[in-house]
Protein backbone atom coordinates (compact mmCIF):
# COMPACT_ATOMS: atom_id res chain seq x y z
CA MET A 1 47.73 19.10 -20.66
CA PRO A 2 48.71 22.35 -18.86
CA GLY A 3 51.80 24.22 -20.00
CA LYS A 4 55.05 24.26 -18.06
CA ARG A 5 54.23 27.55 -16.34
CA HIS A 6 50.79 26.28 -15.28
CA ARG A 7 52.25 23.01 -14.00
CA ARG A 8 54.76 24.92 -11.92
CA LEU A 9 52.10 27.23 -10.49
CA PHE A 10 50.06 24.18 -9.56
CA PHE A 11 53.07 22.74 -7.73
CA VAL A 12 53.79 25.99 -5.94
CA ARG A 13 50.20 26.51 -4.86
CA PHE A 14 49.33 23.00 -3.81
CA CYS A 15 52.57 21.40 -2.66
CA PRO A 16 53.06 22.35 1.02
CA LEU A 17 56.85 22.22 0.74
CA ALA A 18 56.92 24.53 -2.27
CA CYS A 19 54.43 26.93 -0.72
CA HIS A 20 56.53 27.18 2.41
CA SER A 21 59.75 27.93 0.55
CA ARG A 22 58.25 30.54 -1.78
CA ALA A 23 55.80 32.18 0.60
CA LEU A 24 58.70 33.66 2.55
CA MET A 25 60.25 35.11 -0.60
CA HIS A 26 58.59 38.50 -1.14
CA VAL A 27 61.66 40.63 -1.70
CA THR A 28 63.20 42.90 -4.31
CA VAL A 29 66.59 43.07 -5.92
CA LYS A 30 67.35 45.92 -3.52
CA ASP A 31 66.77 43.56 -0.58
CA ILE A 32 69.07 40.96 -2.13
CA LEU A 33 71.78 43.60 -2.62
CA GLU A 34 71.64 44.41 1.07
CA ILE A 35 71.89 40.74 2.06
CA VAL A 36 74.80 39.78 -0.20
CA GLY A 37 76.58 43.14 -0.26
CA GLY A 38 76.72 43.06 -4.05
CA LYS A 39 76.62 45.65 -6.83
CA LEU A 40 73.82 46.00 -9.36
CA LEU A 41 75.43 45.57 -12.79
CA SER A 42 72.25 45.62 -14.88
CA GLY A 43 68.48 45.86 -14.39
CA SER A 44 66.37 47.50 -11.71
CA GLU A 45 66.54 47.44 -7.91
CA SER A 46 62.74 47.30 -7.78
CA THR A 47 62.52 43.92 -9.56
CA ALA A 48 60.40 41.58 -7.44
CA ILE A 49 61.71 38.13 -6.52
CA GLU A 50 59.42 35.28 -5.49
CA GLY A 51 61.63 32.19 -5.51
CA PHE A 52 64.97 30.71 -6.56
CA ALA A 53 66.15 28.04 -8.98
CA ASN A 54 69.08 27.15 -11.22
CA LEU A 55 69.54 28.92 -14.54
CA ARG A 56 67.99 26.13 -16.60
CA GLU A 57 64.84 25.71 -14.50
CA SER A 58 64.19 29.31 -13.51
CA VAL A 59 60.93 31.04 -14.44
CA LYS A 60 59.78 34.62 -14.18
CA GLY A 61 60.16 35.82 -10.60
CA ASP A 62 63.12 33.57 -9.73
CA LEU A 63 66.58 34.46 -8.52
CA SER A 64 69.43 32.31 -9.87
CA PHE A 65 73.23 32.35 -9.92
CA PHE A 66 75.99 32.06 -12.53
CA HIS A 67 79.63 31.35 -11.67
CA ASP A 68 81.15 29.28 -14.49
CA PRO A 69 81.77 30.73 -17.99
CA ARG A 70 81.11 27.28 -19.48
CA TYR A 71 77.42 27.89 -18.79
CA ASP A 72 77.12 31.34 -20.35
CA THR A 73 74.55 30.04 -22.84
CA LEU A 74 72.30 29.11 -19.91
CA LEU A 75 72.70 32.63 -18.56
CA THR A 76 71.72 34.11 -21.91
CA ALA A 77 68.61 31.91 -22.17
CA THR A 78 67.50 32.02 -18.51
CA LYS A 79 63.99 33.15 -17.62
CA ALA A 80 65.09 34.25 -14.14
CA CYS A 81 64.40 37.88 -13.31
CA ALA A 82 67.63 38.27 -11.31
CA VAL A 83 70.98 36.47 -11.32
CA LEU A 84 74.03 36.60 -9.07
CA VAL A 85 77.11 36.87 -11.31
CA PRO A 86 80.85 37.39 -10.79
CA GLU A 87 81.84 40.99 -10.12
CA THR A 88 83.87 41.12 -13.33
CA TRP A 89 81.16 39.71 -15.64
CA THR A 90 80.20 42.02 -18.53
CA LYS A 91 77.68 40.12 -20.72
CA PHE A 92 74.21 40.67 -19.30
CA PRO A 93 71.00 39.10 -20.66
CA GLU A 94 68.12 41.43 -21.47
CA ASN A 95 65.51 42.16 -18.82
CA VAL A 96 67.53 40.44 -16.10
CA ALA A 97 68.88 42.17 -13.01
CA CYS A 98 72.48 41.04 -12.66
CA ILE A 99 74.02 41.38 -9.20
CA GLY A 100 77.82 41.29 -9.05
CA VAL A 101 79.32 39.42 -6.08
CA ALA A 102 82.68 37.85 -5.32
CA ASP A 103 81.29 34.31 -4.99
CA PRO A 104 77.88 33.84 -6.67
CA SER A 105 77.51 30.22 -5.56
CA ARG A 106 78.15 30.99 -1.89
CA MET A 107 75.95 34.07 -1.94
CA PHE A 108 73.12 32.08 -3.55
CA GLU A 109 73.51 29.56 -0.75
CA THR A 110 73.12 32.42 1.72
CA ILE A 111 69.80 33.39 0.09
CA VAL A 112 68.57 29.79 0.12
CA GLU A 113 69.51 29.45 3.78
CA LYS A 114 67.53 32.58 4.62
CA PHE A 115 64.41 32.04 2.51
CA GLY A 116 64.32 28.31 1.74
CA VAL A 117 62.77 25.44 3.67
CA GLN A 118 64.02 25.79 7.22
CA PRO A 119 65.28 22.89 9.35
CA GLU A 120 62.97 21.79 12.12
CA PRO A 121 63.97 23.55 15.34
CA PHE A 122 65.29 21.49 18.20
CA LYS A 123 62.45 20.57 20.56
CA PRO A 124 63.59 18.52 23.55
CA GLY A 125 61.50 15.67 24.87
CA VAL A 126 61.03 11.92 24.79
CA ASN A 127 58.18 10.51 22.74
CA ALA A 128 55.86 8.24 24.69
CA SER A 129 56.38 5.37 22.24
CA ALA A 130 60.17 5.32 22.66
CA VAL A 131 61.62 2.31 24.48
CA ILE A 132 64.31 3.24 26.98
CA GLY A 133 66.40 0.51 28.64
CA GLU A 134 67.85 0.40 32.12
CA GLY A 135 70.68 2.69 33.13
CA VAL A 136 70.40 4.92 30.06
CA LYS A 137 71.96 8.30 30.83
CA PHE A 138 70.32 11.43 29.41
CA GLU A 139 68.43 14.53 30.48
CA ALA A 140 64.95 14.53 28.97
CA ALA A 141 64.86 18.32 28.95
CA LYS A 142 68.06 18.51 26.87
CA VAL A 143 67.66 15.74 24.26
CA ARG A 144 65.09 14.74 21.67
CA ILE A 145 64.07 11.11 21.29
CA GLY A 146 61.53 10.43 18.54
CA PRO A 147 58.68 7.95 18.12
CA HIS A 148 59.47 4.23 18.36
CA ALA A 149 63.17 4.77 19.03
CA VAL A 150 64.81 1.94 20.98
CA ILE A 151 67.68 2.75 23.34
CA GLU A 152 69.21 -0.26 25.06
CA ASP A 153 70.71 -0.59 28.52
CA GLY A 154 73.66 1.57 29.49
CA ALA A 155 73.59 3.91 26.50
CA VAL A 156 74.58 7.55 26.95
CA ILE A 157 72.81 10.37 25.09
CA GLU A 158 74.57 13.69 25.61
CA ASP A 159 72.90 17.10 25.70
CA GLY A 160 71.51 18.48 22.45
CA ALA A 161 71.43 15.09 20.71
CA GLU A 162 68.45 14.23 18.48
CA ILE A 163 67.41 10.60 18.01
CA GLY A 164 64.96 10.29 15.11
CA ALA A 165 61.94 8.08 14.71
CA GLY A 166 62.66 4.36 14.64
CA CYS A 167 66.33 4.67 15.58
CA PHE A 168 68.15 1.90 17.45
CA ILE A 169 70.90 2.65 19.97
CA GLY A 170 72.63 -0.48 21.25
CA ARG A 171 73.94 -1.35 24.70
CA ASN A 172 76.57 1.00 26.11
CA ALA A 173 76.69 3.10 22.93
CA ARG A 174 77.42 6.81 23.29
CA ILE A 175 75.85 9.60 21.25
CA GLY A 176 77.80 12.85 21.55
CA ALA A 177 76.46 16.31 22.27
CA ASP A 178 74.48 18.05 19.50
CA SER A 179 74.60 14.99 17.25
CA LYS A 180 71.64 14.25 15.01
CA LEU A 181 70.38 10.84 13.94
CA PHE A 182 67.69 10.92 11.27
CA ALA A 183 64.99 8.26 11.08
CA ASN A 184 65.89 4.56 11.24
CA VAL A 185 69.57 4.92 12.06
CA SER A 186 71.19 2.04 13.95
CA VAL A 187 74.16 2.50 16.28
CA HIS A 188 75.11 -0.89 17.66
CA THR A 189 76.60 -2.04 20.95
CA GLY A 190 79.50 -0.06 22.35
CA CYS A 191 79.93 2.33 19.42
CA ILE A 192 80.97 5.91 20.13
CA LEU A 193 79.82 9.05 18.33
CA GLY A 194 81.53 12.36 19.00
CA GLN A 195 79.95 15.79 19.07
CA ARG A 196 77.90 17.22 16.20
CA VAL A 197 77.89 13.95 14.28
CA VAL A 198 75.13 13.74 11.65
CA LEU A 199 73.86 10.34 10.51
CA HIS A 200 71.23 10.33 7.76
CA SER A 201 68.43 7.82 7.44
CA SER A 202 69.23 4.10 7.42
CA VAL A 203 72.88 4.48 8.32
CA VAL A 204 74.17 1.43 10.23
CA ILE A 205 77.09 1.95 12.59
CA GLY A 206 78.66 -1.15 14.10
CA GLY A 207 77.15 -4.00 12.14
CA ASP A 208 79.40 -7.06 12.11
CA GLY A 209 82.44 -6.95 9.89
CA PHE A 210 82.54 -9.45 7.03
CA GLY A 211 84.89 -12.00 8.56
CA TYR A 212 84.90 -15.75 7.84
CA GLU A 213 87.42 -18.57 7.77
CA PHE A 214 86.99 -21.67 5.62
CA ASP A 215 87.12 -24.62 7.99
CA LYS A 216 86.20 -28.25 7.31
CA GLY A 217 84.21 -27.42 4.21
CA ARG A 218 82.27 -24.56 5.81
CA HIS A 219 82.60 -20.80 6.26
CA ARG A 220 83.10 -20.24 9.96
CA LYS A 221 82.18 -16.79 11.25
CA VAL A 222 84.99 -14.88 12.99
CA ARG A 223 83.62 -13.00 15.96
CA GLN A 224 83.63 -9.22 15.55
CA ALA A 225 84.28 -7.92 19.05
CA GLY A 226 85.46 -4.34 18.45
CA ILE A 227 83.61 -1.04 18.10
CA VAL A 228 83.19 1.92 15.75
CA GLN A 229 84.47 5.32 16.84
CA ILE A 230 83.27 8.40 14.96
CA ASP A 231 84.95 11.67 15.89
CA ASN A 232 83.47 15.18 16.05
CA ASP A 233 81.77 16.87 13.08
CA VAL A 234 81.53 13.79 10.89
CA GLU A 235 78.51 13.55 8.55
CA ILE A 236 77.44 10.26 6.95
CA GLY A 237 74.88 9.94 4.15
CA ALA A 238 71.84 7.72 3.89
CA GLY A 239 72.28 3.97 3.61
CA THR A 240 76.00 3.94 4.46
CA MET A 241 77.35 1.06 6.55
CA VAL A 242 80.35 1.24 8.88
CA ASP A 243 81.31 -2.20 10.23
CA ARG A 244 82.52 -2.78 13.77
CA ALA A 245 86.11 -3.90 14.17
CA ARG A 246 87.13 -7.51 14.63
CA PHE A 247 89.05 -6.14 17.62
CA GLY A 248 89.92 -2.59 18.61
CA ARG A 249 88.03 -0.01 16.55
CA THR A 250 86.94 1.08 13.12
CA TRP A 251 87.75 4.78 13.28
CA ILE A 252 86.49 7.79 11.29
CA GLY A 253 88.39 10.99 11.96
CA GLU A 254 87.17 14.47 12.74
CA GLY A 255 85.37 16.45 10.05
CA THR A 256 85.19 13.65 7.48
CA LYS A 257 82.15 13.70 5.18
CA ILE A 258 80.81 10.46 3.71
CA ASP A 259 78.17 10.28 0.99
CA ASN A 260 75.23 7.88 0.59
CA LEU A 261 75.65 4.14 0.05
CA VAL A 262 79.27 3.78 1.12
CA GLN A 263 80.62 0.55 2.66
CA ILE A 264 83.41 0.81 5.22
CA GLY A 265 84.81 -2.49 6.43
CA HIS A 266 86.07 -3.62 9.81
CA ASN A 267 89.15 -1.99 11.34
CA VAL A 268 89.32 0.66 8.63
CA VAL A 269 90.92 3.93 9.76
CA ILE A 270 89.88 7.11 7.94
CA GLY A 271 91.71 10.32 8.78
CA LYS A 272 90.50 13.85 9.37
CA HIS A 273 88.52 15.96 6.91
CA CYS A 274 88.28 13.37 4.15
CA ILE A 275 85.60 13.32 1.43
CA ILE A 276 84.22 9.93 0.37
CA VAL A 277 81.63 9.92 -2.41
CA ALA A 278 78.74 7.55 -3.12
CA ALA A 279 79.03 3.84 -3.85
CA THR A 280 82.63 3.58 -2.66
CA ALA A 281 83.69 0.41 -0.82
CA ILE A 282 86.68 0.29 1.54
CA ALA A 283 87.75 -3.18 2.62
CA GLY A 284 88.87 -4.19 6.08
CA SER A 285 91.96 -2.73 7.75
CA ALA A 286 92.59 -0.16 5.01
CA HIS A 287 94.17 3.05 6.29
CA ILE A 288 93.16 6.39 4.73
CA GLY A 289 95.19 9.50 5.64
CA ASP A 290 93.94 13.04 6.30
CA TYR A 291 92.31 15.26 3.65
CA VAL A 292 91.90 12.41 1.18
CA VAL A 293 89.25 12.75 -1.54
CA ILE A 294 87.71 9.53 -2.86
CA ALA A 295 85.32 10.03 -5.78
CA ALA A 296 82.29 7.90 -6.63
CA GLN A 297 82.39 4.12 -7.10
CA CYS A 298 85.97 3.60 -5.95
CA GLY A 299 87.15 0.35 -4.45
CA VAL A 300 89.92 0.13 -1.87
CA ALA A 301 91.42 -3.28 -1.11
CA GLY A 302 92.00 -4.48 2.42
CA HIS A 303 95.15 -3.54 4.37
CA VAL A 304 96.34 -0.89 1.89
CA LYS A 305 97.38 2.63 2.89
CA ILE A 306 96.46 5.84 1.09
CA GLY A 307 98.58 8.83 2.06
CA SER A 308 97.21 12.17 3.22
CA GLN A 309 95.96 14.65 0.60
CA ALA A 310 95.65 12.01 -2.09
CA THR A 311 92.76 12.21 -4.58
CA LEU A 312 91.16 9.19 -6.23
CA ALA A 313 89.20 9.84 -9.42
CA ALA A 314 85.88 8.05 -9.95
CA ARG A 315 85.96 4.26 -10.25
CA CYS A 316 89.53 3.88 -9.07
CA GLY A 317 90.58 0.45 -7.89
CA VAL A 318 93.26 0.67 -5.20
CA THR A 319 95.22 -2.57 -4.90
CA LYS A 320 98.43 -1.35 -3.24
CA ASP A 321 99.69 1.48 -1.05
CA LEU A 322 99.49 4.95 -2.62
CA PRO A 323 101.65 7.90 -1.52
CA GLY A 324 99.84 11.06 -0.47
CA GLY A 325 99.68 14.40 -2.24
CA ALA A 326 98.93 12.97 -5.69
CA THR A 327 95.93 12.23 -7.90
CA TYR A 328 95.21 8.72 -9.13
CA MET A 329 93.01 7.17 -11.82
CA GLY A 330 92.14 3.76 -13.22
CA TYR A 331 92.30 0.12 -12.19
CA PRO A 332 94.69 -0.56 -10.70
CA ALA A 333 95.00 3.06 -9.56
CA ILE A 334 98.10 4.80 -10.91
CA PRO A 335 99.15 8.47 -11.07
CA VAL A 336 96.79 10.44 -13.26
CA GLY A 337 99.41 11.37 -15.85
CA GLU A 338 100.34 7.73 -16.44
CA GLU A 339 96.70 6.68 -16.74
CA LYS A 340 95.93 9.44 -19.26
CA ARG A 341 98.88 8.35 -21.42
CA ARG A 342 97.71 4.73 -21.19
CA LEU A 343 94.18 5.68 -22.26
CA ALA A 344 95.53 7.77 -25.12
CA GLY A 345 97.55 4.76 -26.30
CA ILE A 346 94.47 2.53 -26.17
CA ASN A 347 92.48 5.04 -28.20
CA ARG A 348 95.18 4.94 -30.92
CA LEU A 349 95.02 1.14 -31.24
CA PRO A 350 92.27 1.03 -33.93
CA ASN A 351 94.27 3.31 -36.26
CA LEU A 352 97.45 1.38 -35.51
CA SER A 353 95.69 -1.90 -36.24
CA ALA A 354 94.41 -0.51 -39.55
CA ARG A 355 97.92 0.63 -40.52
CA VAL A 356 99.39 -2.78 -39.72
CA LYS A 357 96.68 -4.50 -41.77
CA LYS A 358 97.38 -2.18 -44.72
CA LEU A 359 101.12 -2.92 -44.50
CA GLU A 360 100.36 -6.66 -44.45
CA ASP A 361 98.05 -6.32 -47.47
CA ASP A 362 100.67 -4.30 -49.39
CA ALA A 363 103.33 -6.92 -48.61
CA GLU A 364 101.29 -9.75 -50.11
């Protein structure tokens, strides 16, 4: 069984993705200093850099970054040859070139953007296997439509849009300028995407909302006749579903970012620049204000309102309206201070129970 270093070299040499990302990285610490505008705090400007990784996984030749004092033990033990650190940091590991910058995380991102795997450049054209309906409006020289995409009658594809392999665009749907749909995205009838919208693989926009009425011993489907409107600069992660409205629109506001595997029900309104993290479910007709942060695995009941600039901690259950500008925890969601006191009280119950039992035993 080869050692860790040998396994990594095998990956770098024989994995095309790894080769591409590292082959471009033949630079020195001096080059990095010029890119990030930093100051060399320890080590040599001539140190060669071949790749990049986090502190824990770095090997000789890697550049890494350190920005949180809680991880100073990882910095001490890192095998990276160079590390971006805060300008005020003073504890430097041996044989490591430490580069002081104002924001190590952001500067590391700059290096990754420059030397890492690059996004595929926009190449306009319509693949021969794509199926284009009647009356579809687009300019072939200004859009990209991938293999086996299906675009139904009356759809509009604006300039700069990319439609990935296997995508489905329903009747009279509109895809805004410079939007990008990765493989196997579905945008159903009449739905509207603004400019620079990014939909990752297997997103479904405009599937029927979950609407039924119990009638004569059966669940009768309620027709979902509305649309989904997604405003400019929204990004939605893989496998997320946004249901069409029963009437009117399900609406996602400008700049909102939604993680993978999120469910958004019919007639939901989500404001501008919100963050919604994985495995969250928002039931029909809920109203989310602007700049709201919803952490992972939250549940929001139907028809409730969450005020702007509210934050929901992970696994919150929202059952009633919540004012904005506050942080909430728990089920049902309550202000974070109240929930912490409640949890502290629960944690004291075993000791309290033992004290009560002792008092009962002493009284006998």
